Amino acid sequence: MEIGTIIKKYRRARDMTQEQLAECLRVSVSAVSQWESGKTAPDLSLIPAICNLFGISADELLGINLEQKERRISDIEDQANQHSSRGQLREAADILEAGLREFPDSYGIIYDLMYVYFSQYCGNHVCRHELDEAIRLAKRILEGCIHDGYREGAKQVLCYAYESKGELDKALEIAQSLPSIYVTNQGMYARLQTGSEGHSAHQSLLSNLLDLLNQELSVNKILDDGTPAYTADEMAILYQKQLTLHELMIEDGNYGFFHTRLQDIHMALACHYVGKHDTEKALHHLSAAADHAIAFVACEGRGAYTCLLLRGRVTDGFSTNDPENNATQMQRQLSSPTFDFIRSTPEFAAILEKLTSVAGQWKVKGEV
């Protein structure tokens, strides 16, 4: 890769114009244009200034083994992701830790390792060391990385991490520095992009908004007087609204990734009706949850949507912090004493039987 191409890459990564770069380096716009077109190269005396401006080494700027290095880093990230996306977090951490020793300046590896550490803590709150490591890596990203996506991800992790440590003031301060829901990169890109790419971006935005609404409709904040904002019966109404929302958006029942969300909603409703000793409704929602669990295990979130709003949108998978598949997770939930009230019914036994047929662990890509 020529030096002009590298300069252009890092200039764009910082959202700089040629005019802005020229002003920083005290050269003409024409000089920058000629560098990037490969007609000329910058004077050697400018190399330190360019490296400092972009936060890169002279080797990177000059393209010395840069492509080989990027391929190697990409391989490390892909290999780790195959494990982390299936809940095998310790294996992913081992790969990324070794990768960071090999490439200590790779913010891509730092970013991935930060999320793996934080996911380990989320899965087991005893893992305080992993939480502290996630915070350390997030701070390192904010101190030295110019990649906006990495910086926003680091802020997200710090918000959750500080909340977990009881340092709410720090979490709120960072949260206030994040963009509003109306000014996001995905939202603006979907609005501005045209043609087929614009339509695809809009579908992706709609899909993510559905998932976001799904999460927010499950929130039941504790008010200042110590009582929840919604009663148990009101939460059941909100869960029903979630079901209606999914049916409205995905009218043909080809839910794809959203099978896993619908499983969670039906499980919440089943628990509600068990608490009310309503056997019929509890079993109805348990059966529906099992059907969605089985459907999700079958498709693994992959495939093309056929509903009107998302028609043609293809998803290529999912990520989870639990190595056990949805059917196994549901079996574990059903072993709780919560369900003793209906455990002896034939319908409950039938639900367990159909879950057993697909229960197991998620497979890492390439495993048989």
Protein backbone atom coordinates (compact mmCIF):
# COMPACT_ATOMS: atom_id res chain seq x y z
CA MET A 1 0.00 0.00 0.00
CA GLU A 2 1.51 3.35 -1.06
CA ILE A 3 2.08 6.14 1.45
CA GLY A 4 -0.52 8.35 -0.25
CA THR A 5 -3.18 5.66 0.12
CA ILE A 6 -2.28 5.28 3.80
CA ILE A 7 -2.51 9.03 4.39
CA LYS A 8 -5.91 9.09 2.69
CA LYS A 9 -7.11 6.16 4.83
CA TYR A 10 -6.16 7.78 8.14
CA ARG A 11 -7.35 11.22 7.04
CA ARG A 12 -10.79 9.79 6.31
CA ALA A 13 -10.76 7.82 9.58
CA ARG A 14 -10.46 11.16 11.38
CA ASP A 15 -13.13 12.78 9.19
CA MET A 16 -10.61 15.32 7.96
CA THR A 17 -10.76 17.09 4.63
CA GLN A 18 -7.68 17.55 2.48
CA GLU A 19 -7.89 21.23 3.33
CA GLN A 20 -7.79 20.53 7.07
CA LEU A 21 -4.85 18.14 6.72
CA ALA A 22 -2.97 20.66 4.61
CA GLU A 23 -3.56 23.35 7.24
CA CYS A 24 -2.31 21.09 10.06
CA LEU A 25 0.87 20.26 8.14
CA ARG A 26 1.31 23.79 6.72
CA VAL A 27 1.40 22.56 3.13
CA SER A 28 -0.81 23.28 0.14
CA VAL A 29 -4.03 21.42 -0.59
CA SER A 30 -2.52 20.54 -3.95
CA ALA A 31 0.38 18.79 -2.18
CA VAL A 32 -2.01 16.61 -0.14
CA SER A 33 -4.01 15.81 -3.28
CA GLN A 34 -0.88 14.75 -5.14
CA TRP A 35 0.25 12.54 -2.24
CA GLU A 36 -3.08 10.76 -2.15
CA SER A 37 -3.19 10.30 -5.90
CA GLY A 38 0.31 8.76 -5.85
CA LYS A 39 1.89 11.50 -7.97
CA THR A 40 4.26 12.67 -5.24
CA ALA A 41 5.22 11.73 -1.67
CA PRO A 42 5.56 13.94 1.39
CA ASP A 43 8.96 15.32 2.30
CA LEU A 44 10.78 13.17 4.87
CA SER A 45 10.73 16.06 7.31
CA LEU A 46 6.92 15.77 7.45
CA ILE A 47 6.86 12.09 8.42
CA PRO A 48 7.04 12.67 12.23
CA ALA A 49 4.28 15.29 12.06
CA ILE A 50 2.01 13.03 10.00
CA CYS A 51 2.63 10.08 12.34
CA ASN A 52 1.88 12.18 15.42
CA LEU A 53 -1.25 13.60 13.83
CA PHE A 54 -2.67 10.17 12.99
CA GLY A 55 -1.28 8.36 16.05
CA ILE A 56 0.59 5.77 13.98
CA SER A 57 4.17 4.58 13.64
CA ALA A 58 6.49 5.44 10.77
CA ASP A 59 6.36 1.78 9.71
CA GLU A 60 2.59 1.99 9.39
CA LEU A 61 2.77 5.24 7.47
CA LEU A 62 5.36 3.85 5.09
CA GLY A 63 3.39 0.64 4.59
CA ILE A 64 6.11 -1.61 5.92
CA ASN A 65 4.42 -5.01 6.44
CA LEU A 66 1.24 -3.10 7.20
CA GLU A 67 -0.99 -5.29 5.04
CA GLN A 68 0.50 -8.47 6.52
CA LYS A 69 0.01 -7.05 10.02
CA GLU A 70 -3.61 -6.12 9.31
CA ARG A 71 -4.35 -9.60 7.92
CA ARG A 72 -2.82 -11.21 11.01
CA ILE A 73 -4.81 -8.97 13.36
CA SER A 74 -7.98 -9.69 11.40
CA ASP A 75 -7.33 -13.43 11.70
CA ILE A 76 -6.87 -13.10 15.47
CA GLU A 77 -10.10 -11.11 15.82
CA ASP A 78 -12.05 -13.57 13.65
CA GLN A 79 -10.76 -16.57 15.56
CA ALA A 80 -11.63 -14.96 18.90
CA ASN A 81 -15.07 -13.94 17.66
CA GLN A 82 -15.90 -17.51 16.69
CA HIS A 83 -15.54 -18.42 20.37
CA SER A 84 -16.92 -15.26 22.02
CA SER A 85 -20.05 -15.24 19.83
CA ARG A 86 -20.90 -18.71 21.17
CA GLY A 87 -20.30 -17.90 24.81
CA GLN A 88 -16.80 -19.42 25.01
CA LEU A 89 -15.40 -16.28 26.61
CA ARG A 90 -12.32 -17.74 28.31
CA GLU A 91 -11.14 -19.23 25.00
CA ALA A 92 -11.72 -15.90 23.25
CA ALA A 93 -9.85 -14.01 25.98
CA ASP A 94 -6.85 -16.36 25.66
CA ILE A 95 -6.68 -15.72 21.90
CA LEU A 96 -7.01 -11.95 22.26
CA GLU A 97 -4.53 -11.73 25.15
CA ALA A 98 -1.95 -13.57 23.03
CA GLY A 99 -2.80 -11.29 20.11
CA LEU A 100 -2.29 -8.20 22.24
CA ARG A 101 1.15 -9.42 23.27
CA GLU A 102 1.97 -9.77 19.58
CA PHE A 103 0.39 -6.43 18.59
CA PRO A 104 0.29 -4.23 21.72
CA ASP A 105 -0.77 -1.17 19.72
CA SER A 106 -3.82 -2.79 18.03
CA TYR A 107 -6.91 -0.96 19.20
CA GLY A 108 -9.05 -3.52 17.38
CA ILE A 109 -7.74 -6.30 19.64
CA ILE A 110 -7.95 -4.03 22.70
CA TYR A 111 -11.57 -3.24 21.85
CA ASP A 112 -12.56 -6.89 21.40
CA LEU A 113 -10.77 -7.93 24.59
CA MET A 114 -12.50 -5.14 26.51
CA TYR A 115 -15.90 -6.54 25.54
CA VAL A 116 -14.88 -10.14 26.29
CA TYR A 117 -13.70 -9.15 29.78
CA PHE A 118 -16.91 -7.23 30.41
CA SER A 119 -19.02 -10.13 29.12
CA GLN A 120 -17.19 -12.48 31.49
CA TYR A 121 -18.14 -10.21 34.37
CA CYS A 122 -21.77 -9.99 33.19
CA GLY A 123 -21.97 -13.78 33.11
CA ASN A 124 -20.42 -14.13 36.56
CA HIS A 125 -20.32 -11.11 38.85
CA VAL A 126 -17.59 -12.79 40.89
CA CYS A 127 -15.20 -11.90 38.04
CA ARG A 128 -14.22 -8.50 39.50
CA HIS A 129 -10.75 -8.73 37.96
CA GLU A 130 -12.26 -8.97 34.48
CA LEU A 131 -14.44 -5.92 35.21
CA ASP A 132 -11.39 -3.93 36.26
CA GLU A 133 -9.53 -5.06 33.13
CA ALA A 134 -12.45 -3.99 30.95
CA ILE A 135 -12.35 -0.54 32.57
CA ARG A 136 -8.59 -0.31 32.08
CA LEU A 137 -8.83 -1.15 28.38
CA ALA A 138 -11.77 1.21 27.86
CA LYS A 139 -9.75 4.05 29.39
CA ARG A 140 -6.80 3.16 27.17
CA ILE A 141 -9.03 3.45 24.10
CA LEU A 142 -10.34 6.86 25.17
CA GLU A 143 -6.83 8.10 25.92
CA GLY A 144 -5.21 7.16 22.63
CA CYS A 145 -7.63 5.89 19.98
CA ILE A 146 -9.19 8.18 17.35
CA HIS A 147 -11.63 5.59 15.94
CA ASP A 148 -15.09 6.92 16.79
CA GLY A 149 -16.70 3.47 16.92
CA TYR A 150 -14.12 2.14 19.37
CA ARG A 151 -14.43 5.26 21.51
CA GLU A 152 -18.23 5.01 21.70
CA GLY A 153 -18.00 1.31 22.57
CA ALA A 154 -15.49 2.13 25.32
CA LYS A 155 -17.87 4.73 26.75
CA GLN A 156 -20.71 2.20 26.71
CA VAL A 157 -18.64 -0.34 28.63
CA LEU A 158 -17.54 2.31 31.14
CA CYS A 159 -21.16 3.33 31.74
CA TYR A 160 -22.18 -0.23 32.58
CA ALA A 161 -18.96 -0.95 34.47
CA TYR A 162 -19.17 2.11 36.69
CA GLU A 163 -22.83 1.36 37.35
CA SER A 164 -21.85 -2.16 38.43
CA LYS A 165 -19.23 -0.72 40.80
CA GLY A 166 -21.78 1.65 42.32
CA GLU A 167 -20.08 4.71 40.80
CA LEU A 168 -23.23 6.08 39.22
CA ASP A 169 -21.98 9.68 38.98
CA LYS A 170 -19.12 8.58 36.69
CA ALA A 171 -21.50 6.50 34.57
CA LEU A 172 -23.95 9.38 34.17
CA GLU A 173 -21.18 11.82 33.24
CA ILE A 174 -20.05 9.55 30.41
CA ALA A 175 -23.64 8.87 29.33
CA GLN A 176 -24.23 12.60 28.92
CA SER A 177 -21.30 12.80 26.48
CA LEU A 178 -22.88 10.24 24.12
CA PRO A 179 -25.03 11.35 21.16
CA SER A 180 -28.81 11.38 21.45
CA ILE A 181 -30.94 8.63 19.96
CA TYR A 182 -31.77 10.99 17.09
CA VAL A 183 -28.12 11.63 16.18
CA THR A 184 -26.49 8.25 15.67
CA ASN A 185 -24.19 7.10 12.89
CA GLN A 186 -26.60 4.36 11.84
CA GLY A 187 -29.61 6.67 11.90
CA MET A 188 -27.96 9.45 9.91
CA TYR A 189 -26.45 7.02 7.41
CA ALA A 190 -29.85 5.41 6.81
CA ARG A 191 -31.42 8.81 6.26
CA LEU A 192 -28.72 10.12 3.92
CA GLN A 193 -27.81 7.05 1.87
CA THR A 194 -29.76 6.51 -1.36
CA GLY A 195 -30.65 3.60 -3.64
CA SER A 196 -30.50 -0.05 -2.63
CA GLU A 197 -27.77 0.63 -0.08
CA GLY A 198 -29.96 3.27 1.54
CA HIS A 199 -32.93 0.89 1.69
CA SER A 200 -30.76 -1.82 3.24
CA ALA A 201 -29.45 0.65 5.82
CA HIS A 202 -33.01 1.70 6.64
CA GLN A 203 -34.05 -1.93 7.16
CA SER A 204 -31.08 -2.46 9.47
CA LEU A 205 -32.11 0.62 11.44
CA LEU A 206 -35.70 -0.64 11.76
CA SER A 207 -34.49 -4.04 12.93
CA ASN A 208 -32.28 -2.50 15.60
CA LEU A 209 -35.05 -0.14 16.72
CA LEU A 210 -37.37 -3.12 17.16
CA ASP A 211 -34.74 -4.79 19.31
CA LEU A 212 -34.22 -1.59 21.31
CA LEU A 213 -37.95 -1.20 21.92
CA ASN A 214 -38.01 -4.83 22.97
CA GLN A 215 -35.45 -4.10 25.69
CA GLU A 216 -37.00 -0.85 26.87
CA LEU A 217 -40.50 -2.30 27.18
CA SER A 218 -39.11 -4.80 29.68
CA VAL A 219 -37.72 -2.12 32.00
CA ASN A 220 -39.48 -1.57 35.32
CA LYS A 221 -37.70 1.23 37.18
CA ILE A 222 -37.90 1.59 40.96
CA LEU A 223 -39.37 4.99 41.84
CA ASP A 224 -38.20 7.38 44.57
CA ASP A 225 -40.67 5.90 47.06
CA GLY A 226 -39.19 2.43 46.54
CA THR A 227 -42.09 1.02 44.52
CA PRO A 228 -41.80 -0.25 40.93
CA ALA A 229 -43.20 1.94 38.17
CA TYR A 230 -45.48 -0.89 37.01
CA THR A 231 -47.33 -3.60 38.88
CA ALA A 232 -46.89 -7.26 37.90
CA ASP A 233 -50.18 -7.14 35.98
CA GLU A 234 -49.09 -3.98 34.17
CA MET A 235 -45.78 -5.61 33.22
CA ALA A 236 -47.76 -8.50 31.73
CA ILE A 237 -49.61 -5.94 29.59
CA LEU A 238 -46.28 -4.51 28.45
CA TYR A 239 -45.03 -7.99 27.53
CA GLN A 240 -48.20 -8.49 25.48
CA LYS A 241 -47.45 -5.18 23.74
CA GLN A 242 -44.04 -6.58 22.81
CA LEU A 243 -45.67 -9.62 21.24
CA THR A 244 -48.05 -7.37 19.32
CA LEU A 245 -45.17 -5.19 18.18
CA HIS A 246 -43.31 -8.19 16.75
CA GLU A 247 -46.44 -9.46 15.02
CA LEU A 248 -46.98 -5.99 13.55
CA MET A 249 -43.43 -5.63 12.26
CA ILE A 250 -42.96 -9.26 11.15
CA GLU A 251 -46.46 -10.16 10.04
CA ASP A 252 -45.62 -13.46 8.31
CA GLY A 253 -44.10 -15.23 11.33
CA ASN A 254 -40.64 -15.58 9.75
CA TYR A 255 -38.97 -14.10 12.84
CA GLY A 256 -35.37 -15.18 12.30
CA PHE A 257 -33.20 -13.61 15.00
CA PHE A 258 -36.28 -12.35 16.87
CA HIS A 259 -37.25 -15.91 17.82
CA THR A 260 -34.85 -15.53 20.75
CA ARG A 261 -36.52 -12.29 21.86
CA LEU A 262 -39.97 -13.85 21.61
CA GLN A 263 -38.78 -16.79 23.67
CA ASP A 264 -37.80 -14.39 26.47
CA ILE A 265 -41.15 -12.55 26.30
CA HIS A 266 -43.19 -15.75 26.50
CA MET A 267 -41.03 -17.00 29.37
CA ALA A 268 -41.69 -13.77 31.29
CA LEU A 269 -45.42 -14.17 30.73
CA ALA A 270 -45.30 -17.83 31.74
CA CYS A 271 -43.64 -16.86 35.03
CA HIS A 272 -46.29 -14.20 35.57
CA TYR A 273 -49.15 -16.62 35.09
CA VAL A 274 -47.51 -19.31 37.22
CA GLY A 275 -47.47 -16.71 39.99
CA LYS A 276 -51.18 -16.18 39.46
CA HIS A 277 -51.80 -19.96 39.43
CA ASP A 278 -53.27 -19.72 35.94
CA THR A 279 -52.25 -23.12 34.59
CA GLU A 280 -53.73 -22.71 31.11
CA LYS A 281 -52.02 -19.41 30.30
CA ALA A 282 -48.75 -20.44 31.93
CA LEU A 283 -48.54 -23.61 29.82
CA HIS A 284 -49.59 -21.70 26.69
CA HIS A 285 -46.70 -19.27 27.04
CA LEU A 286 -44.23 -21.99 28.01
CA SER A 287 -45.13 -23.94 24.90
CA ALA A 288 -44.73 -20.82 22.75
CA ALA A 289 -41.37 -20.07 24.38
CA ALA A 290 -40.19 -23.62 23.61
CA ASP A 291 -41.31 -23.32 19.98
CA HIS A 292 -39.34 -20.09 19.58
CA ALA A 293 -36.30 -21.62 21.30
CA ILE A 294 -36.36 -24.58 18.93
CA ALA A 295 -36.86 -22.33 15.91
CA PHE A 296 -33.91 -20.17 16.93
CA VAL A 297 -31.64 -23.18 17.44
CA ALA A 298 -32.61 -24.35 13.96
CA CYS A 299 -31.87 -21.05 12.19
CA GLU A 300 -29.21 -19.61 14.55
CA GLY A 301 -30.46 -16.17 13.59
CA ARG A 302 -29.49 -16.69 9.96
CA GLY A 303 -31.62 -16.28 6.87
CA ALA A 304 -33.62 -13.76 4.90
CA TYR A 305 -36.70 -11.97 6.21
CA THR A 306 -39.84 -12.07 4.09
CA CYS A 307 -42.08 -9.56 5.92
CA LEU A 308 -42.86 -6.26 4.21
CA LEU A 309 -40.60 -3.93 6.21
CA LEU A 310 -37.55 -6.22 6.32
CA ARG A 311 -38.13 -8.10 3.07
CA GLY A 312 -34.86 -9.36 1.63
CA ARG A 313 -32.77 -8.37 4.66
CA VAL A 314 -30.31 -11.18 5.35
CA THR A 315 -28.81 -11.87 8.75
CA ASP A 316 -25.74 -14.05 9.09
CA GLY A 317 -25.87 -15.07 12.72
CA PHE A 318 -25.83 -13.84 16.30
CA SER A 319 -23.65 -13.48 19.36
CA THR A 320 -24.28 -14.85 22.86
CA ASN A 321 -22.50 -14.98 26.20
CA ASP A 322 -23.99 -18.40 27.01
CA PRO A 323 -22.33 -21.48 25.45
CA GLU A 324 -25.56 -23.47 25.89
CA ASN A 325 -28.18 -23.13 23.16
CA ASN A 326 -31.64 -21.67 23.76
CA ALA A 327 -33.28 -25.04 24.35
CA THR A 328 -30.76 -25.95 27.04
CA GLN A 329 -31.11 -22.53 28.64
CA MET A 330 -34.87 -22.98 28.80
CA GLN A 331 -34.51 -26.46 30.31
CA ARG A 332 -32.37 -24.89 33.03
CA GLN A 333 -35.02 -22.25 33.66
CA LEU A 334 -37.76 -24.88 33.90
CA SER A 335 -35.84 -26.71 36.64
CA SER A 336 -36.57 -23.77 38.95
CA PRO A 337 -39.05 -24.33 41.83
CA THR A 338 -41.07 -21.53 40.21
CA PHE A 339 -42.60 -24.12 37.90
CA ASP A 340 -43.39 -26.77 40.53
CA PHE A 341 -47.01 -25.65 40.34
CA ILE A 342 -47.38 -27.11 36.81
CA ARG A 343 -44.51 -29.61 36.74
CA SER A 344 -46.74 -32.68 37.06
CA THR A 345 -48.95 -31.80 34.08
CA PRO A 346 -48.66 -33.79 30.81
CA GLU A 347 -48.26 -30.51 28.90
CA PHE A 348 -45.18 -29.58 30.95
CA ALA A 349 -43.64 -32.99 30.28
CA ALA A 350 -44.30 -32.57 26.56
CA ILE A 351 -42.58 -29.18 26.57
CA LEU A 352 -39.50 -30.65 28.23
CA GLU A 353 -39.45 -33.52 25.75
CA LYS A 354 -39.44 -31.28 22.68
CA LEU A 355 -36.70 -29.11 24.19
CA THR A 356 -34.56 -32.19 24.86
CA SER A 357 -34.62 -33.07 21.17
CA VAL A 358 -32.52 -30.00 20.28
CA ALA A 359 -30.77 -29.18 23.57
CA GLY A 360 -26.98 -28.86 23.54
CA GLN A 361 -24.19 -26.34 23.21
CA TRP A 362 -23.65 -23.87 20.42
CA LYS A 363 -21.07 -25.02 17.91
CA VAL A 364 -18.07 -22.87 17.07
CA LYS A 365 -17.60 -22.43 13.33
CA GLY A 366 -15.73 -25.41 11.93
CA GLU A 367 -16.70 -27.78 14.74
CA VAL A 368 -18.51 -31.00 13.85
